[in-house]
PDB file of N, CA and C in Angstrom:
ATOM      1  N   MET A   1      16.051  -5.162   8.144  1.00  0.00           N
ATOM      2  CA  MET A   1      15.680  -4.138   7.882  1.00  0.00           C
ATOM      3  C   MET A   1      15.870  -2.753   8.556  1.00  0.00           C
ATOM      4  N   LYS A   2      16.426  -1.579   8.273  1.00  0.00           N
ATOM      5  CA  LYS A   2      16.611  -0.420   8.802  1.00  0.00           C
ATOM      6  C   LYS A   2      15.305   0.082   8.936  1.00  0.00           C
ATOM      7  N   LYS A   3      15.008   0.893  10.139  1.00  0.00           N
ATOM      8  CA  LYS A   3      13.861   1.847  10.172  1.00  0.00           C
ATOM      9  C   LYS A   3      14.042   2.696  11.373  1.00  0.00           C
ATOM     10  N   ILE A   4      13.320   3.920  11.398  1.00  0.00           N
ATOM     11  CA  ILE A   4      13.221   4.570  12.356  1.00  0.00           C
ATOM     12  C   ILE A   4      11.704   4.905  12.487  1.00  0.00           C
ATOM     13  N   THR A   5      11.495   5.110  14.044  1.00  0.00           N
ATOM     14  CA  THR A   5      10.149   5.698  14.457  1.00  0.00           C
ATOM     15  C   THR A   5      10.233   6.979  15.089  1.00  0.00           C
ATOM     16  N   ILE A   6       9.396   7.991  14.721  1.00  0.00           N
ATOM     17  CA  ILE A   6       9.514   9.426  15.207  1.00  0.00           C
ATOM     18  C   ILE A   6       7.783   9.545  15.167  1.00  0.00           C
ATOM     19  N   ASP A   7       7.711   9.875  16.571  1.00  0.00           N
ATOM     20  CA  ASP A   7       6.089  10.270  16.664  1.00  0.00           C
ATOM     21  C   ASP A   7       5.322   9.480  16.061  1.00  0.00           C
ATOM     22  N   GLY A   8       5.695   8.041  16.381  1.00  0.00           N
ATOM     23  CA  GLY A   8       4.689   6.834  16.136  1.00  0.00           C
ATOM     24  C   GLY A   8       4.490   6.581  14.714  1.00  0.00           C
ATOM     25  N   THR A   9       5.255   6.977  14.087  1.00  0.00           N
ATOM     26  CA  THR A   9       5.478   6.993  12.036  1.00  0.00           C
ATOM     27  C   THR A   9       6.932   6.379  12.024  1.00  0.00           C
ATOM     28  N   VAL A  10       6.571   5.240  11.344  1.00  0.00           N
ATOM     29  CA  VAL A  10       7.891   4.406  10.519  1.00  0.00           C
ATOM     30  C   VAL A  10       8.392   4.856   9.514  1.00  0.00           C
ATOM     31  N   TYR A  11       9.637   5.439   9.586  1.00  0.00           N
ATOM     32  CA  TYR A  11      10.164   5.559   8.297  1.00  0.00           C
ATOM     33  C   TYR A  11      11.439   4.535   7.794  1.00  0.00           C
ATOM     34  N   VAL A  12      11.245   4.138   6.486  1.00  0.00           N
ATOM     35  CA  VAL A  12      12.054   3.220   6.216  1.00  0.00           C
ATOM     36  C   VAL A  12      13.058   3.753   4.902  1.00  0.00           C
ATOM     37  N   PRO A  13      14.443   3.554   4.992  1.00  0.00           N
ATOM     38  CA  PRO A  13      15.384   4.240   4.227  1.00  0.00           C
ATOM     39  C   PRO A  13      15.256   4.180   2.692  1.00  0.00           C
ATOM     40  N   GLU A  14      15.458   5.070   1.871  1.00  0.00           N
ATOM     41  CA  GLU A  14      15.292   4.829   0.387  1.00  0.00           C
ATOM     42  C   GLU A  14      15.740   3.616  -0.044  1.00  0.00           C
ATOM     43  N   SER A  15      17.182   3.014   0.282  1.00  0.00           N
ATOM     44  CA  SER A  15      17.685   1.996  -0.166  1.00  0.00           C
ATOM     45  C   SER A  15      17.034   0.494   0.207  1.00  0.00           C
ATOM     46  N   GLU A  16      15.870   0.721   1.229  1.00  0.00           N
ATOM     47  CA  GLU A  16      15.198  -0.444   1.527  1.00  0.00           C
ATOM     48  C   GLU A  16      13.512  -0.336   0.761  1.00  0.00           C
ATOM     49  N   LYS A  17      13.348   0.821   0.195  1.00  0.00           N
ATOM     50  CA  LYS A  17      12.011   0.716  -0.451  1.00  0.00           C
ATOM     51  C   LYS A  17      11.918   0.037  -1.816  1.00  0.00           C
ATOM     52  N   VAL A  18      10.939  -0.531  -1.793  1.00  0.00           N
ATOM     53  CA  VAL A  18      10.527  -1.296  -3.327  1.00  0.00           C
ATOM     54  C   VAL A  18      10.226  -0.157  -4.441  1.00  0.00           C
ATOM     55  N   GLN A  19      10.954  -0.233  -5.546  1.00  0.00           N
ATOM     56  CA  GLN A  19      10.747   0.511  -6.788  1.00  0.00           C
ATOM     57  C   GLN A  19      10.368  -0.264  -7.988  1.00  0.00           C
ATOM     58  N   ASP A  20       9.899   0.644  -8.762  1.00  0.00           N
ATOM     59  CA  ASP A  20       9.311  -0.429 -10.005  1.00  0.00           C
ATOM     60  C   ASP A  20      10.531   0.444 -11.054  1.00  0.00           C
ATOM     61  N   GLU A  21      10.434  -0.081 -12.397  1.00  0.00           N
ATOM     62  CA  GLU A  21      11.386   0.425 -13.367  1.00  0.00           C
ATOM     63  C   GLU A  21      11.416   1.773 -13.683  1.00  0.00           C
ATOM     64  N   ASN A  22      10.282   2.557 -13.194  1.00  0.00           N
ATOM     65  CA  ASN A  22      10.307   4.066 -13.277  1.00  0.00           C
ATOM     66  C   ASN A  22      10.747   4.923 -12.067  1.00  0.00           C
ATOM     67  N   GLY A  23      11.037   3.985 -11.009  1.00  0.00           N
ATOM     68  CA  GLY A  23      11.284   4.836  -9.306  1.00  0.00           C
ATOM     69  C   GLY A  23      10.262   4.930  -8.687  1.00  0.00           C
ATOM     70  N   GLY A  24       9.195   4.571  -9.009  1.00  0.00           N
ATOM     71  CA  GLY A  24       7.714   4.557  -8.271  1.00  0.00           C
ATOM     72  C   GLY A  24       8.082   3.760  -7.087  1.00  0.00           C
ATOM     73  N   ILE A  25       7.930   4.352  -5.993  1.00  0.00           N
ATOM     74  CA  ILE A  25       7.993   3.273  -4.778  1.00  0.00           C
ATOM     75  C   ILE A  25       6.800   2.867  -4.285  1.00  0.00           C
ATOM     76  N   TYR A  26       6.645   1.491  -3.977  1.00  0.00           N
ATOM     77  CA  TYR A  26       5.401   0.750  -3.969  1.00  0.00           C
ATOM     78  C   TYR A  26       5.037   1.250  -2.424  1.00  0.00           C
ATOM     79  N   SER A  27       3.371   1.576  -2.205  1.00  0.00           N
ATOM     80  CA  SER A  27       3.261   2.473  -0.910  1.00  0.00           C
ATOM     81  C   SER A  27       2.040   1.962  -0.521  1.00  0.00           C
ATOM     82  N   ILE A  28       1.430   2.403   0.605  1.00  0.00           N
ATOM     83  CA  ILE A  28       0.043   2.087   0.788  1.00  0.00           C
ATOM     84  C   ILE A  28      -0.250   3.561   0.949  1.00  0.00           C
ATOM     85  N   VAL A  29      -1.385   3.848   0.451  1.00  0.00           N
ATOM     86  CA  VAL A  29      -2.165   5.410   0.410  1.00  0.00           C
ATOM     87  C   VAL A  29      -3.295   5.091   0.979  1.00  0.00           C
ATOM     88  N   ARG A  30      -3.608   5.966   1.901  1.00  0.00           N
ATOM     89  CA  ARG A  30      -4.767   6.071   2.541  1.00  0.00           C
ATOM     90  C   ARG A  30      -5.662   7.303   1.954  1.00  0.00           C
ATOM     91  N   THR A  31      -6.818   7.503   1.565  1.00  0.00           N
ATOM     92  CA  THR A  31      -7.253   8.642   1.355  1.00  0.00           C
ATOM     93  C   THR A  31      -8.468   8.865   2.461  1.00  0.00           C
ATOM     94  N   ASN A  32      -8.818  10.319   2.381  1.00  0.00           N
ATOM     95  CA  ASN A  32      -9.771  10.792   2.906  1.00  0.00           C
ATOM     96  C   ASN A  32     -11.275   9.910   3.033  1.00  0.00           C
ATOM     97  N   SER A  33     -11.630  10.090   1.734  1.00  0.00           N
ATOM     98  CA  SER A  33     -12.941   8.995   1.717  1.00  0.00           C
ATOM     99  C   SER A  33     -13.147   7.752   0.783  1.00  0.00           C
ATOM    100  N   ALA A  34     -11.791   7.325  -0.248  1.00  0.00           N
ATOM    101  CA  ALA A  34     -11.995   6.605  -0.866  1.00  0.00           C
ATOM    102  C   ALA A  34     -11.251   5.212  -0.381  1.00  0.00           C
ATOM    103  N   GLY A  35     -10.741   5.040   0.446  1.00  0.00           N
ATOM    104  CA  GLY A  35     -10.407   3.867   1.106  1.00  0.00           C
ATOM    105  C   GLY A  35      -8.682   3.837   1.314  1.00  0.00           C
ATOM    106  N   VAL A  36      -8.590   2.639   1.170  1.00  0.00           N
ATOM    107  CA  VAL A  36      -6.784   2.682   1.174  1.00  0.00           C
ATOM    108  C   VAL A  36      -6.413   1.498  -0.255  1.00  0.00           C
ATOM    109  N   PHE A  37      -5.419   2.105  -0.535  1.00  0.00           N
ATOM    110  CA  PHE A  37      -4.650   1.353  -1.699  1.00  0.00           C
ATOM    111  C   PHE A  37      -3.339   1.116  -1.542  1.00  0.00           C
ATOM    112  N   ALA A  38      -2.802   0.263  -2.276  1.00  0.00           N
ATOM    113  CA  ALA A  38      -1.345  -0.299  -2.239  1.00  0.00           C
ATOM    114  C   ALA A  38      -1.123  -0.275  -3.946  1.00  0.00           C
ATOM    115  N   GLY A  39       0.213   0.285  -3.905  1.00  0.00           N
ATOM    116  CA  GLY A  39       0.537   0.544  -5.533  1.00  0.00           C
ATOM    117  C   GLY A  39       1.595   1.213  -5.687  1.00  0.00           C
ATOM    118  N   TYR A  40       2.212   1.480  -6.613  1.00  0.00           N
ATOM    119  CA  TYR A  40       3.475   2.234  -7.125  1.00  0.00           C
ATOM    120  C   TYR A  40       3.206   3.759  -7.196  1.00  0.00           C
ATOM    121  N   VAL A  41       3.752   4.597  -6.525  1.00  0.00           N
ATOM    122  CA  VAL A  41       3.395   6.008  -6.529  1.00  0.00           C
ATOM    123  C   VAL A  41       4.278   6.415  -7.741  1.00  0.00           C
ATOM    124  N   LYS A  42       2.873   6.929  -9.020  1.00  0.00           N
ATOM    125  CA  LYS A  42       3.616   7.319 -10.162  1.00  0.00           C
ATOM    126  C   LYS A  42       3.878   8.803 -10.046  1.00  0.00           C
ATOM    127  N   GLU A  43       2.983   9.536  -9.393  1.00  0.00           N
ATOM    128  CA  GLU A  43       3.042  11.033  -9.402  1.00  0.00           C
ATOM    129  C   GLU A  43       2.565  11.215  -8.157  1.00  0.00           C
ATOM    130  N   ARG A  44       2.699  12.428  -7.453  1.00  0.00           N
ATOM    131  CA  ARG A  44       1.796  13.000  -6.357  1.00  0.00           C
ATOM    132  C   ARG A  44       2.038  14.783  -6.636  1.00  0.00           C
ATOM    133  N   ASN A  45       0.596  15.153  -6.418  1.00  0.00           N
ATOM    134  CA  ASN A  45       0.740  16.671  -6.681  1.00  0.00           C
ATOM    135  C   ASN A  45      -0.450  17.104  -5.651  1.00  0.00           C
ATOM    136  N   GLY A  46       0.550  17.659  -4.567  1.00  0.00           N
ATOM    137  CA  GLY A  46      -0.842  17.981  -3.564  1.00  0.00           C
ATOM    138  C   GLY A  46      -1.035  16.604  -2.632  1.00  0.00           C
ATOM    139  N   GLN A  47      -2.819  16.297  -2.716  1.00  0.00           N
ATOM    140  CA  GLN A  47      -3.390  15.588  -1.831  1.00  0.00           C
ATOM    141  C   GLN A  47      -3.742  14.580  -3.364  1.00  0.00           C
ATOM    142  N   GLU A  48      -3.305  14.804  -4.577  1.00  0.00           N
ATOM    143  CA  GLU A  48      -3.624  13.558  -5.576  1.00  0.00           C
ATOM    144  C   GLU A  48      -2.553  12.948  -5.939  1.00  0.00           C
ATOM    145  N   VAL A  49      -2.808  11.505  -6.020  1.00  0.00           N
ATOM    146  CA  VAL A  49      -1.557  10.669  -5.955  1.00  0.00           C
ATOM    147  C   VAL A  49      -2.012   9.698  -7.033  1.00  0.00           C
ATOM    148  N   THR A  50      -1.161   9.561  -8.038  1.00  0.00           N
ATOM    149  CA  THR A  50      -1.478   8.598  -9.027  1.00  0.00           C
ATOM    150  C   THR A  50      -0.671   7.287  -8.735  1.00  0.00           C
ATOM    151  N   LEU A  51      -1.316   6.155  -8.793  1.00  0.00           N
ATOM    152  CA  LEU A  51      -0.814   4.453  -8.654  1.00  0.00           C
ATOM    153  C   LEU A  51      -0.823   3.912  -9.698  1.00  0.00           C
ATOM    154  N   THR A  52       0.251   3.179  -9.724  1.00  0.00           N
ATOM    155  CA  THR A  52       0.183   2.018 -11.152  1.00  0.00           C
ATOM    156  C   THR A  52      -0.007   0.729 -10.189  1.00  0.00           C
ATOM    157  N   GLU A  53      -0.264  -0.084 -10.648  1.00  0.00           N
ATOM    158  CA  GLU A  53      -0.738  -1.591 -10.311  1.00  0.00           C
ATOM    159  C   GLU A  53      -1.175  -1.726  -8.635  1.00  0.00           C
ATOM    160  N   ALA A  54      -2.226  -1.196  -8.749  1.00  0.00           N
ATOM    161  CA  ALA A  54      -2.970  -0.329  -7.687  1.00  0.00           C
ATOM    162  C   ALA A  54      -4.400  -1.392  -7.315  1.00  0.00           C
ATOM    163  N   THR A  55      -4.387  -1.435  -5.820  1.00  0.00           N
ATOM    164  CA  THR A  55      -4.849  -2.551  -5.267  1.00  0.00           C
ATOM    165  C   THR A  55      -5.503  -1.985  -4.006  1.00  0.00           C
ATOM    166  N   ARG A  56      -6.849  -1.974  -3.978  1.00  0.00           N
ATOM    167  CA  ARG A  56      -7.730  -1.386  -3.038  1.00  0.00           C
ATOM    168  C   ARG A  56      -7.663  -2.453  -1.796  1.00  0.00           C
ATOM    169  N   LEU A  57      -7.068  -2.017  -0.497  1.00  0.00           N
ATOM    170  CA  LEU A  57      -7.289  -2.749   0.632  1.00  0.00           C
ATOM    171  C   LEU A  57      -8.321  -2.762   1.490  1.00  0.00           C
ATOM    172  N   TRP A  58      -9.484  -3.658   1.035  1.00  0.00           N
ATOM    173  CA  TRP A  58     -10.847  -2.991   1.770  1.00  0.00           C
ATOM    174  C   TRP A  58     -11.283  -3.718   3.010  1.00  0.00           C
ATOM    175  N   LYS A  59     -10.557  -4.733   3.484  1.00  0.00           N
ATOM    176  CA  LYS A  59     -10.407  -5.474   4.450  1.00  0.00           C
ATOM    177  C   LYS A  59      -9.142  -6.064   5.147  1.00  0.00           C
ATOM    178  N   TRP A  60      -8.631  -5.973   5.927  1.00  0.00           N
ATOM    179  CA  TRP A  60      -7.073  -6.622   6.197  1.00  0.00           C
ATOM    180  C   TRP A  60      -7.175  -7.197   7.967  1.00  0.00           C
ATOM    181  N   SER A  61      -6.602  -8.320   7.759  1.00  0.00           N
ATOM    182  CA  SER A  61      -6.354  -9.061   8.877  1.00  0.00           C
ATOM    183  C   SER A  61      -5.145  -9.353   9.181  1.00  0.00           C
ATOM    184  N   GLY A  62      -4.664  -9.683  10.639  1.00  0.00           N
ATOM    185  CA  GLY A  62      -3.088  -9.972  10.737  1.00  0.00           C
ATOM    186  C   GLY A  62      -2.331  -8.916  10.906  1.00  0.00           C
ATOM    187  N   ALA A  63      -2.807  -7.647  10.930  1.00  0.00           N
ATOM    188  CA  ALA A  63      -1.834  -6.769  11.103  1.00  0.00           C
ATOM    189  C   ALA A  63      -2.916  -5.769  11.807  1.00  0.00           C
ATOM    190  N   PHE A  64      -2.078  -4.846  12.747  1.00  0.00           N
ATOM    191  CA  PHE A  64      -2.884  -3.967  13.587  1.00  0.00           C
ATOM    192  C   PHE A  64      -3.277  -2.607  13.052  1.00  0.00           C
ATOM    193  N   THR A  65      -2.008  -2.089  12.110  1.00  0.00           N
ATOM    194  CA  THR A  65      -2.378  -0.890  11.664  1.00  0.00           C
ATOM    195  C   THR A  65      -1.765  -0.781  10.291  1.00  0.00           C
ATOM    196  N   LEU A  66      -2.072   0.166   9.247  1.00  0.00           N
ATOM    197  CA  LEU A  66      -1.177   0.153   7.865  1.00  0.00           C
ATOM    198  C   LEU A  66       0.194   0.323   8.147  1.00  0.00           C
ATOM    199  N   SER A  67       0.519   0.859   8.997  1.00  0.00           N
ATOM    200  CA  SER A  67       2.342   0.808   9.445  1.00  0.00           C
ATOM    201  C   SER A  67       2.880  -0.225   9.657  1.00  0.00           C
ATOM    202  N   GLN A  68       1.989  -1.368  10.575  1.00  0.00           N
ATOM    203  CA  GLN A  68       2.618  -2.350  10.319  1.00  0.00           C
ATOM    204  C   GLN A  68       2.239  -3.208   9.095  1.00  0.00           C
ATOM    205  N   ILE A  69       1.426  -3.138   8.259  1.00  0.00           N
ATOM    206  CA  ILE A  69       1.321  -3.690   7.142  1.00  0.00           C
ATOM    207  C   ILE A  69       2.472  -3.574   6.158  1.00  0.00           C
ATOM    208  N   SER A  70       2.872  -2.226   6.115  1.00  0.00           N
ATOM    209  CA  SER A  70       3.940  -1.646   5.259  1.00  0.00           C
ATOM    210  C   SER A  70       5.225  -2.195   5.455  1.00  0.00           C
ATOM    211  N   ILE A  71       5.367  -2.789   6.866  1.00  0.00           N
ATOM    212  CA  ILE A  71       6.770  -3.290   6.902  1.00  0.00           C
ATOM    213  C   ILE A  71       6.697  -4.942   7.083  1.00  0.00           C
ATOM    214  N   HIS A  72       5.695  -5.650   7.783  1.00  0.00           N
ATOM    215  CA  HIS A  72       5.618  -6.637   7.790  1.00  0.00           C
ATOM    216  C   HIS A  72       4.511  -7.552   6.921  1.00  0.00           C
ATOM    217  N   GLY A  73       3.535  -6.826   6.182  1.00  0.00           N
ATOM    218  CA  GLY A  73       2.626  -7.166   5.223  1.00  0.00           C
ATOM    219  C   GLY A  73       1.346  -7.653   6.310  1.00  0.00           C
ATOM    220  N   VAL A  74       0.726  -8.784   5.575  1.00  0.00           N
ATOM    221  CA  VAL A  74      -0.366  -9.277   6.569  1.00  0.00           C
ATOM    222  C   VAL A  74      -0.132 -10.726   7.042  1.00  0.00           C
ATOM    223  N   GLN A  75      -0.637 -11.003   8.485  1.00  0.00           N
ATOM    224  CA  GLN A  75      -0.298 -11.981   8.721  1.00  0.00           C
ATOM    225  C   GLN A  75      -1.441 -13.203   8.587  1.00  0.00           C
ATOM    226  N   ASP A  76      -2.470 -12.738   8.422  1.00  0.00           N
ATOM    227  CA  ASP A  76      -3.936 -13.556   7.829  1.00  0.00           C
ATOM    228  C   ASP A  76      -4.602 -13.323   6.637  1.00  0.00           C
ATOM    229  N   PRO A  77      -3.549 -13.822   5.575  1.00  0.00           N
ATOM    230  CA  PRO A  77      -4.213 -13.568   4.407  1.00  0.00           C
ATOM    231  C   PRO A  77      -5.647 -13.874   3.991  1.00  0.00           C
ATOM    232  N   GLU A  78      -6.072 -14.975   4.525  1.00  0.00           N
ATOM    233  CA  GLU A  78      -7.345 -15.856   4.441  1.00  0.00           C
ATOM    234  C   GLU A  78      -8.663 -14.998   4.629  1.00  0.00           C
ATOM    235  N   ASN A  79      -8.203 -13.840   5.205  1.00  0.00           N
ATOM    236  CA  ASN A  79      -9.330 -12.998   6.083  1.00  0.00           C
ATOM    237  C   ASN A  79      -9.199 -11.917   5.496  1.00  0.00           C
ATOM    238  N   CYS A  80      -8.475 -11.391   4.652  1.00  0.00           N
ATOM    239  CA  CYS A  80      -8.580 -10.087   4.211  1.00  0.00           C
ATOM    240  C   CYS A  80      -9.162  -9.946   2.682  1.00  0.00           C
ATOM    241  N   LYS A  81      -9.717  -8.866   2.617  1.00  0.00           N
ATOM    242  CA  LYS A  81     -10.441  -8.516   1.403  1.00  0.00           C
ATOM    243  C   LYS A  81      -9.704  -7.561   0.399  1.00  0.00           C
ATOM    244  N   PHE A  82      -9.084  -7.663  -0.515  1.00  0.00           N
ATOM    245  CA  PHE A  82      -8.202  -6.828  -1.171  1.00  0.00           C
ATOM    246  C   PHE A  82      -9.126  -6.986  -2.475  1.00  0.00           C
ATOM    247  N   ALA A  83      -9.311  -6.031  -3.550  1.00  0.00           N
ATOM    248  CA  ALA A  83      -9.845  -5.886  -4.956  1.00  0.00           C
ATOM    249  C   ALA A  83      -8.797  -6.317  -5.797  1.00  0.00           C
ATOM    250  N   LEU A  84      -9.385  -6.378  -7.118  1.00  0.00           N
ATOM    251  CA  LEU A  84      -8.513  -6.791  -8.201  1.00  0.00           C
ATOM    252  C   LEU A  84      -7.848  -5.414  -8.775  1.00  0.00           C
ATOM    253  N   THR A  85      -6.523  -5.821  -9.055  1.00  0.00           N
ATOM    254  CA  THR A  85      -5.377  -5.052  -9.217  1.00  0.00           C
ATOM    255  C   THR A  85      -5.954  -4.198 -10.570  1.00  0.00           C
ATOM    256  N   VAL A  86      -5.638  -2.855 -10.631  1.00  0.00           N
ATOM    257  CA  VAL A  86      -5.863  -1.960 -11.882  1.00  0.00           C
ATOM    258  C   VAL A  86      -4.692  -1.427 -12.297  1.00  0.00           C
ATOM    259  N   ASP A  87      -4.280  -1.136 -13.428  1.00  0.00           N
ATOM    260  CA  ASP A  87      -3.038  -0.854 -14.180  1.00  0.00           C
ATOM    261  C   ASP A  87      -2.737   0.579 -13.371  1.00  0.00           C
ATOM    262  N   GLU A  88      -3.707   1.234 -13.016  1.00  0.00           N
ATOM    263  CA  GLU A  88      -3.258   3.027 -12.753  1.00  0.00           C
ATOM    264  C   GLU A  88      -4.861   3.545 -12.062  1.00  0.00           C
ATOM    265  N   ILE A  89      -4.589   4.500 -11.100  1.00  0.00           N
ATOM    266  CA  ILE A  89      -5.651   4.862 -10.675  1.00  0.00           C
ATOM    267  C   ILE A  89      -5.258   6.082  -9.783  1.00  0.00           C
ATOM    268  N   LEU A  90      -6.205   7.439 -10.265  1.00  0.00           N
ATOM    269  CA  LEU A  90      -5.876   8.829  -9.437  1.00  0.00           C
ATOM    270  C   LEU A  90      -6.658   8.983  -8.263  1.00  0.00           C
ATOM    271  N   LEU A  91      -6.087   9.064  -7.193  1.00  0.00           N
ATOM    272  CA  LEU A  91      -6.582   9.197  -5.822  1.00  0.00           C
ATOM    273  C   LEU A  91      -6.368  10.680  -5.354  1.00  0.00           C
ATOM    274  N   LEU A  92      -7.727  10.974  -4.954  1.00  0.00           N
ATOM    275  CA  LEU A  92      -7.720  12.470  -4.615  1.00  0.00           C
ATOM    276  C   LEU A  92      -7.964  12.434  -2.610  1.00  0.00           C
ATOM    277  N   GLN A  93      -7.196  13.426  -2.326  1.00  0.00           N
ATOM    278  CA  GLN A  93      -7.720  13.427  -1.018  1.00  0.00           C
ATOM    279  C   GLN A  93      -6.837  12.410  -0.209  1.00  0.00           C
ATOM    280  N   ALA A  94      -5.733  12.172  -0.667  1.00  0.00           N
ATOM    281  CA  ALA A  94      -4.451  11.268   0.042  1.00  0.00           C
ATOM    282  C   ALA A  94      -4.363  12.079   1.389  1.00  0.00           C
ATOM    283  N   ILE A  95      -4.163  11.123   2.374  1.00  0.00           N
ATOM    284  CA  ILE A  95      -3.730  11.902   3.562  1.00  0.00           C
ATOM    285  C   ILE A  95      -2.446  10.748   4.248  1.00  0.00           C
ATOM    286  N   GLU A  96      -2.272  10.037   3.622  1.00  0.00           N
ATOM    287  CA  GLU A  96      -0.908   9.334   4.202  1.00  0.00           C
ATOM    288  C   GLU A  96      -0.575   8.107   3.138  1.00  0.00           C
ATOM    289  N   ILE A  97       0.588   8.384   2.869  1.00  0.00           N
ATOM    290  CA  ILE A  97       1.559   7.484   2.179  1.00  0.00           C
ATOM    291  C   ILE A  97       2.492   7.012   2.739  1.00  0.00           C
ATOM    292  N   ILE A  98       2.610   5.407   2.824  1.00  0.00           N
ATOM    293  CA  ILE A  98       3.379   4.725   3.568  1.00  0.00           C
ATOM    294  C   ILE A  98       4.203   3.753   2.819  1.00  0.00           C
ATOM    295  N   PRO A  99       5.498   4.101   2.788  1.00  0.00           N
ATOM    296  CA  PRO A  99       6.450   3.236   1.620  1.00  0.00           C
ATOM    297  C   PRO A  99       6.759   1.830   2.185  1.00  0.00           C
ATOM    298  N   CYS A 100       6.435   0.499   1.651  1.00  0.00           N
ATOM    299  CA  CYS A 100       6.596  -0.668   1.859  1.00  0.00           C
ATOM    300  C   CYS A 100       7.681  -1.263   1.779  1.00  0.00           C
ATOM    301  N   THR A 101       7.911  -2.408   2.437  1.00  0.00           N
ATOM    302  CA  THR A 101       9.171  -3.123   2.397  1.00  0.00           C
ATOM    303  C   THR A 101       8.759  -4.327   1.209  1.00  0.00           C
ATOM    304  N   GLU A 102       9.887  -4.945   0.532  1.00  0.00           N
ATOM    305  CA  GLU A 102       9.516  -6.117  -0.158  1.00  0.00           C
ATOM    306  C   GLU A 102       8.823  -7.491   0.439  1.00  0.00           C
ATOM    307  N   ILE A 103       8.936  -7.622   1.817  1.00  0.00           N
ATOM    308  CA  ILE A 103       8.079  -8.338   2.351  1.00  0.00           C
ATOM    309  C   ILE A 103       6.406  -7.898   2.340  1.00  0.00           C
ATOM    310  N   ALA A 104       6.207  -6.870   2.728  1.00  0.00           N
ATOM    311  CA  ALA A 104       5.174  -5.982   2.596  1.00  0.00           C
ATOM    312  C   ALA A 104       4.553  -6.294   1.121  1.00  0.00           C
ATOM    313  N   ARG A 105       5.351  -5.989   0.045  1.00  0.00           N
ATOM    314  CA  ARG A 105       4.507  -6.260  -1.335  1.00  0.00           C
ATOM    315  C   ARG A 105       4.121  -7.435  -1.718  1.00  0.00           C
ATOM    316  N   ASN A 106       5.129  -8.437  -1.255  1.00  0.00           N
ATOM    317  CA  ASN A 106       4.652  -9.630  -1.731  1.00  0.00           C
ATOM    318  C   ASN A 106       3.655 -10.483  -1.050  1.00  0.00           C
ATOM    319  N   SER A 107       3.400 -10.016   0.307  1.00  0.00           N
ATOM    320  CA  SER A 107       2.443 -10.100   1.233  1.00  0.00           C
ATOM    321  C   SER A 107       0.981  -9.980   0.453  1.00  0.00           C
ATOM    322  N   ILE A 108       1.262  -8.470   0.178  1.00  0.00           N
ATOM    323  CA  ILE A 108      -0.484  -7.783  -0.511  1.00  0.00           C
ATOM    324  C   ILE A 108      -0.554  -8.337  -1.900  1.00  0.00           C
ATOM    325  N   ASP A 109       0.389  -8.709  -2.533  1.00  0.00           N
ATOM    326  CA  ASP A 109       0.353  -9.451  -3.871  1.00  0.00           C
ATOM    327  C   ASP A 109      -0.462 -10.807  -3.830  1.00  0.00           C
ATOM    328  N   ASN A 110       0.188 -11.699  -2.859  1.00  0.00           N
ATOM    329  CA  ASN A 110      -0.382 -12.896  -2.370  1.00  0.00           C
ATOM    330  C   ASN A 110      -1.423 -12.953  -1.932  1.00  0.00           C
ATOM    331  N   VAL A 111      -2.147 -11.879  -1.653  1.00  0.00           N
ATOM    332  CA  VAL A 111      -3.973 -12.158  -0.965  1.00  0.00           C
ATOM    333  C   VAL A 111      -4.392 -12.252  -2.268  1.00  0.00           C
ATOM    334  N   THR A 112      -5.632 -13.281  -1.745  1.00  0.00           N
ATOM    335  CA  THR A 112      -6.646 -13.414  -3.073  1.00  0.00           C
ATOM    336  C   THR A 112      -7.514 -12.140  -3.435  1.00  0.00           C
ATOM    337  N   LYS A 113      -7.373 -11.426  -4.579  1.00  0.00           N
ATOM    338  CA  LYS A 113      -8.115 -10.666  -4.916  1.00  0.00           C
ATOM    339  C   LYS A 113      -9.696 -10.965  -5.201  1.00  0.00           C
ATOM    340  N   HIS A 114     -10.541 -10.226  -4.726  1.00  0.00           N
ATOM    341  CA  HIS A 114     -12.077 -10.429  -4.716  1.00  0.00           C
ATOM    342  C   HIS A 114     -12.406  -9.662  -5.859  1.00  0.00           C
ATOM    343  N   GLU A 115     -13.838 -10.403  -6.283  1.00  0.00           N
ATOM    344  CA  GLU A 115     -14.329  -8.953  -7.389  1.00  0.00           C
ATOM    345  C   GLU A 115     -16.019  -9.962  -7.447  1.00  0.00           C
ATOM    346  N   TYR A 116     -16.982  -8.900  -7.340  1.00  0.00           N
ATOM    347  CA  TYR A 116     -18.423  -9.237  -7.456  1.00  0.00           C
ATOM    348  C   TYR A 116     -18.495  -9.862  -8.460  1.00  0.00           C
ATOM    349  N   LYS A 117     -19.378 -11.442  -8.259  1.00  0.00           N
ATOM    350  CA  LYS A 117     -19.996 -11.995  -9.263  1.00  0.00           C
ATOM    351  C   LYS A 117     -21.520 -12.354  -9.052  1.00  0.00           C
ATOM    352  N   ALA A 118     -22.388 -11.731 -10.188  1.00  0.00           N
ATOM    353  CA  ALA A 118     -23.771 -11.830 -10.167  1.00  0.00           C
ATOM    354  C   ALA A 118     -24.254 -13.306 -10.520  1.00  0.00           C
TER     355      ALA A 118
END
């Protein structure tokens, strides 16, 4: 995969990015206070980002940074805690959007999704 790093940020060419049928790019989005999510970027308006097929990445293992997850995925899926996937979510105060590779998307999809059971 082609990539370039500038000032510690890894960039992936458009041709390498995973897209849905509407052209939304599968990305990891970090917010100021709601946490980290992965999904297809449907729309961005300033710091508001709408994701489809969105999963909250509550705890990850087997990757040092979100940038590493966006390229290689997680290497220790058994110790990750990802929430159930929702059809769509509006995130406020997005501070980082990192496009993902197909490897990363598959890795995130294959982590067991957790839910609270009383």
